[in-house]
Amino acid sequence: MRRPTEVAPMQQQPFDTPVTVEGPERAPRQMLAEQTYGGHASLHDESTADSLGLSGAPIEGPTHFSQFDPLAHLLWGDAWFER
């Protein structure tokens, strides 16, 4: 298969309006720091993460995803929480 030698630049901007995301700073809670599995602490515990060579305990996925809720609700309304 032959590759094109020249690619045409985009003729339009991808959005008609400026894209901005702003609002108050949010401070999610680390909810799994005290969690244990089979008698040992999870990766979300600082000392366990340190023993594995990580610079800090990772925050669990649901906490990250909760940061999107205000924007997602603004875009999709109550359907964001209903689906």
N, C-alpha and C. Protein backbone atom coordinates (compact mmCIF):
# COMPACT_ATOMS: atom_id res chain seq x y z
N MET A 1 0.85 -1.17 0.00
CA MET A 1 0.00 0.00 0.00
C MET A 1 0.89 1.24 0.00
N ARG A 2 0.61 2.15 -0.86
CA ARG A 2 1.39 3.38 -0.96
C ARG A 2 0.88 4.43 0.01
N ARG A 3 1.79 5.09 0.69
CA ARG A 3 1.41 6.16 1.60
C ARG A 3 1.36 7.49 0.85
N PRO A 4 0.43 8.36 1.21
CA PRO A 4 0.39 9.66 0.55
C PRO A 4 1.65 10.46 0.88
N THR A 5 2.11 11.21 -0.06
CA THR A 5 3.32 12.00 0.17
C THR A 5 3.00 13.35 0.80
N GLU A 6 1.75 13.77 0.73
CA GLU A 6 1.38 15.06 1.28
C GLU A 6 0.02 14.94 1.94
N VAL A 7 -0.10 15.50 3.12
CA VAL A 7 -1.36 15.48 3.85
C VAL A 7 -1.89 16.90 3.93
N ALA A 8 -3.14 17.09 3.53
CA ALA A 8 -3.74 18.43 3.56
C ALA A 8 -4.02 18.82 5.01
N PRO A 9 -3.71 20.08 5.38
CA PRO A 9 -4.00 20.53 6.74
C PRO A 9 -5.50 20.66 6.96
N MET A 10 -5.91 20.62 8.25
CA MET A 10 -7.32 20.82 8.56
C MET A 10 -7.76 22.19 8.08
N GLN A 11 -8.92 22.24 7.48
CA GLN A 11 -9.44 23.50 6.96
C GLN A 11 -10.24 24.28 8.01
N GLN A 12 -10.69 23.59 9.04
CA GLN A 12 -11.51 24.23 10.06
C GLN A 12 -10.98 23.90 11.44
N GLN A 13 -11.33 24.73 12.40
CA GLN A 13 -11.05 24.40 13.79
C GLN A 13 -12.04 23.32 14.21
N PRO A 14 -11.65 22.42 15.10
CA PRO A 14 -12.57 21.34 15.48
C PRO A 14 -13.79 21.82 16.27
N PHE A 15 -13.70 23.00 16.90
CA PHE A 15 -14.82 23.53 17.70
C PHE A 15 -15.08 24.97 17.31
N ASP A 16 -16.35 25.34 17.30
CA ASP A 16 -16.73 26.71 16.95
C ASP A 16 -16.55 27.69 18.09
N THR A 17 -16.48 27.18 19.30
CA THR A 17 -16.37 28.05 20.48
C THR A 17 -15.13 27.66 21.28
N PRO A 18 -14.62 28.56 22.10
CA PRO A 18 -13.49 28.20 22.96
C PRO A 18 -13.89 27.09 23.95
N VAL A 19 -12.99 26.20 24.20
CA VAL A 19 -13.25 25.12 25.15
C VAL A 19 -12.57 25.49 26.47
N THR A 20 -13.36 25.63 27.52
CA THR A 20 -12.82 25.93 28.84
C THR A 20 -13.48 25.04 29.87
N VAL A 21 -12.73 24.66 30.85
CA VAL A 21 -13.25 23.89 31.97
C VAL A 21 -12.74 24.58 33.22
N GLU A 22 -13.66 25.06 34.02
CA GLU A 22 -13.24 25.74 35.23
C GLU A 22 -14.31 25.59 36.29
N GLY A 23 -13.91 25.79 37.50
CA GLY A 23 -14.83 25.69 38.61
C GLY A 23 -14.04 25.65 39.90
N PRO A 24 -14.72 25.47 41.01
CA PRO A 24 -14.00 25.43 42.28
C PRO A 24 -13.10 24.20 42.36
N GLU A 25 -12.01 24.34 43.07
CA GLU A 25 -11.12 23.21 43.27
C GLU A 25 -11.83 22.18 44.12
N ARG A 26 -11.71 20.93 43.73
CA ARG A 26 -12.34 19.85 44.48
C ARG A 26 -11.26 19.06 45.19
N ALA A 27 -11.60 18.49 46.32
CA ALA A 27 -10.64 17.72 47.11
C ALA A 27 -11.22 16.33 47.40
N PRO A 28 -11.00 15.39 46.49
CA PRO A 28 -11.55 14.05 46.72
C PRO A 28 -10.87 13.36 47.89
N ARG A 29 -11.61 12.49 48.55
CA ARG A 29 -11.06 11.76 49.69
C ARG A 29 -10.47 10.44 49.22
N GLN A 30 -9.39 10.03 49.82
CA GLN A 30 -8.77 8.72 49.57
C GLN A 30 -9.54 7.73 50.43
N MET A 31 -10.43 6.95 49.82
CA MET A 31 -11.32 6.08 50.59
C MET A 31 -10.77 4.67 50.81
N LEU A 32 -9.69 4.30 50.14
CA LEU A 32 -9.19 2.93 50.26
C LEU A 32 -7.89 2.82 51.05
N ALA A 33 -7.43 3.88 51.67
CA ALA A 33 -6.16 3.84 52.39
C ALA A 33 -6.17 2.81 53.52
N GLU A 34 -7.30 2.59 54.13
CA GLU A 34 -7.40 1.65 55.26
C GLU A 34 -7.88 0.26 54.83
N GLN A 35 -8.12 0.05 53.56
CA GLN A 35 -8.68 -1.21 53.09
C GLN A 35 -7.63 -2.31 53.10
N THR A 36 -8.05 -3.53 53.47
CA THR A 36 -7.15 -4.68 53.45
C THR A 36 -7.77 -5.81 52.63
N TYR A 37 -6.90 -6.64 52.08
CA TYR A 37 -7.30 -7.82 51.33
C TYR A 37 -6.55 -9.01 51.89
N GLY A 38 -7.25 -9.97 52.41
CA GLY A 38 -6.62 -11.18 52.93
C GLY A 38 -5.54 -10.90 53.97
N GLY A 39 -5.75 -9.89 54.81
CA GLY A 39 -4.81 -9.58 55.87
C GLY A 39 -3.68 -8.64 55.49
N HIS A 40 -3.60 -8.23 54.24
CA HIS A 40 -2.56 -7.28 53.86
C HIS A 40 -3.21 -6.02 53.29
N ALA A 41 -2.53 -4.91 53.43
CA ALA A 41 -3.06 -3.64 52.94
C ALA A 41 -3.06 -3.60 51.42
N SER A 42 -3.94 -2.80 50.89
CA SER A 42 -4.03 -2.69 49.43
C SER A 42 -2.96 -1.74 48.89
N LEU A 43 -2.85 -1.70 47.60
CA LEU A 43 -1.92 -0.81 46.92
C LEU A 43 -2.23 0.66 47.24
N HIS A 44 -3.45 0.94 47.67
CA HIS A 44 -3.86 2.31 47.96
C HIS A 44 -3.39 2.78 49.33
N ASP A 45 -2.69 1.94 50.06
CA ASP A 45 -2.09 2.28 51.35
C ASP A 45 -0.68 2.82 51.09
N GLU A 46 -0.32 3.92 51.75
CA GLU A 46 0.99 4.56 51.52
C GLU A 46 2.16 3.60 51.73
N SER A 47 2.16 2.84 52.83
CA SER A 47 3.31 1.98 53.11
C SER A 47 3.41 0.83 52.11
N THR A 48 2.27 0.28 51.70
CA THR A 48 2.28 -0.78 50.70
C THR A 48 2.80 -0.24 49.37
N ALA A 49 2.31 0.93 48.97
CA ALA A 49 2.77 1.53 47.72
C ALA A 49 4.28 1.80 47.79
N ASP A 50 4.75 2.28 48.93
CA ASP A 50 6.18 2.55 49.11
C ASP A 50 6.99 1.26 48.99
N SER A 51 6.48 0.17 49.58
CA SER A 51 7.21 -1.10 49.52
C SER A 51 7.31 -1.64 48.10
N LEU A 52 6.43 -1.17 47.23
CA LEU A 52 6.45 -1.59 45.82
C LEU A 52 7.22 -0.61 44.94
N GLY A 53 7.81 0.41 45.57
CA GLY A 53 8.61 1.36 44.83
C GLY A 53 7.84 2.52 44.23
N LEU A 54 6.59 2.67 44.62
CA LEU A 54 5.79 3.79 44.11
C LEU A 54 6.03 5.03 44.95
N SER A 55 5.95 6.18 44.32
CA SER A 55 6.21 7.43 45.05
C SER A 55 5.04 7.83 45.94
N GLY A 56 3.90 7.23 45.76
CA GLY A 56 2.74 7.51 46.60
C GLY A 56 1.65 6.49 46.31
N ALA A 57 0.68 6.43 47.20
CA ALA A 57 -0.42 5.50 47.02
C ALA A 57 -1.37 6.03 45.95
N PRO A 58 -1.71 5.22 44.96
CA PRO A 58 -2.63 5.70 43.94
C PRO A 58 -4.04 5.87 44.49
N ILE A 59 -4.72 6.85 43.96
CA ILE A 59 -6.12 7.07 44.30
C ILE A 59 -6.95 6.09 43.48
N GLU A 60 -7.99 5.54 44.08
CA GLU A 60 -8.81 4.56 43.38
C GLU A 60 -9.59 5.20 42.24
N GLY A 61 -9.90 4.43 41.24
CA GLY A 61 -10.58 4.90 40.04
C GLY A 61 -11.85 5.69 40.28
N PRO A 62 -12.78 5.20 41.13
CA PRO A 62 -14.02 5.96 41.34
C PRO A 62 -13.79 7.39 41.83
N THR A 63 -12.73 7.60 42.60
CA THR A 63 -12.44 8.97 43.05
C THR A 63 -12.06 9.84 41.87
N HIS A 64 -11.23 9.31 40.97
CA HIS A 64 -10.88 10.08 39.77
C HIS A 64 -12.12 10.36 38.94
N PHE A 65 -12.93 9.33 38.72
CA PHE A 65 -14.11 9.50 37.89
C PHE A 65 -15.09 10.49 38.49
N SER A 66 -15.16 10.58 39.82
CA SER A 66 -16.08 11.52 40.46
C SER A 66 -15.73 12.96 40.13
N GLN A 67 -14.50 13.21 39.74
CA GLN A 67 -14.10 14.56 39.37
C GLN A 67 -14.77 15.01 38.07
N PHE A 68 -15.19 14.04 37.25
CA PHE A 68 -15.85 14.35 35.98
C PHE A 68 -17.34 14.63 36.14
N ASP A 69 -17.93 14.24 37.27
CA ASP A 69 -19.38 14.33 37.42
C ASP A 69 -19.96 15.72 37.16
N PRO A 70 -19.41 16.81 37.69
CA PRO A 70 -20.01 18.11 37.41
C PRO A 70 -20.03 18.45 35.91
N LEU A 71 -18.94 18.17 35.21
CA LEU A 71 -18.89 18.45 33.78
C LEU A 71 -19.82 17.52 33.01
N ALA A 72 -19.81 16.25 33.35
CA ALA A 72 -20.66 15.28 32.66
C ALA A 72 -22.14 15.63 32.87
N HIS A 73 -22.51 16.04 34.08
CA HIS A 73 -23.91 16.41 34.34
C HIS A 73 -24.28 17.66 33.55
N LEU A 74 -23.35 18.60 33.45
CA LEU A 74 -23.60 19.80 32.66
C LEU A 74 -23.85 19.44 31.19
N LEU A 75 -23.08 18.49 30.68
CA LEU A 75 -23.21 18.10 29.28
C LEU A 75 -24.42 17.22 29.00
N TRP A 76 -24.67 16.23 29.86
CA TRP A 76 -25.69 15.22 29.57
C TRP A 76 -26.85 15.21 30.55
N GLY A 77 -26.84 16.10 31.54
CA GLY A 77 -27.95 16.15 32.49
C GLY A 77 -28.04 14.91 33.35
N ASP A 78 -29.25 14.64 33.84
CA ASP A 78 -29.46 13.50 34.74
C ASP A 78 -29.15 12.16 34.07
N ALA A 79 -29.17 12.12 32.75
CA ALA A 79 -28.85 10.86 32.05
C ALA A 79 -27.47 10.34 32.43
N TRP A 80 -26.54 11.25 32.79
CA TRP A 80 -25.20 10.83 33.20
C TRP A 80 -25.25 9.88 34.39
N PHE A 81 -26.17 10.14 35.32
CA PHE A 81 -26.26 9.30 36.51
C PHE A 81 -27.23 8.13 36.33
N GLU A 82 -28.07 8.20 35.33
CA GLU A 82 -29.11 7.19 35.16
C GLU A 82 -28.69 6.01 34.30
N ARG A 83 -27.62 6.16 33.54
CA ARG A 83 -27.22 5.07 32.64
C ARG A 83 -26.16 4.21 33.23
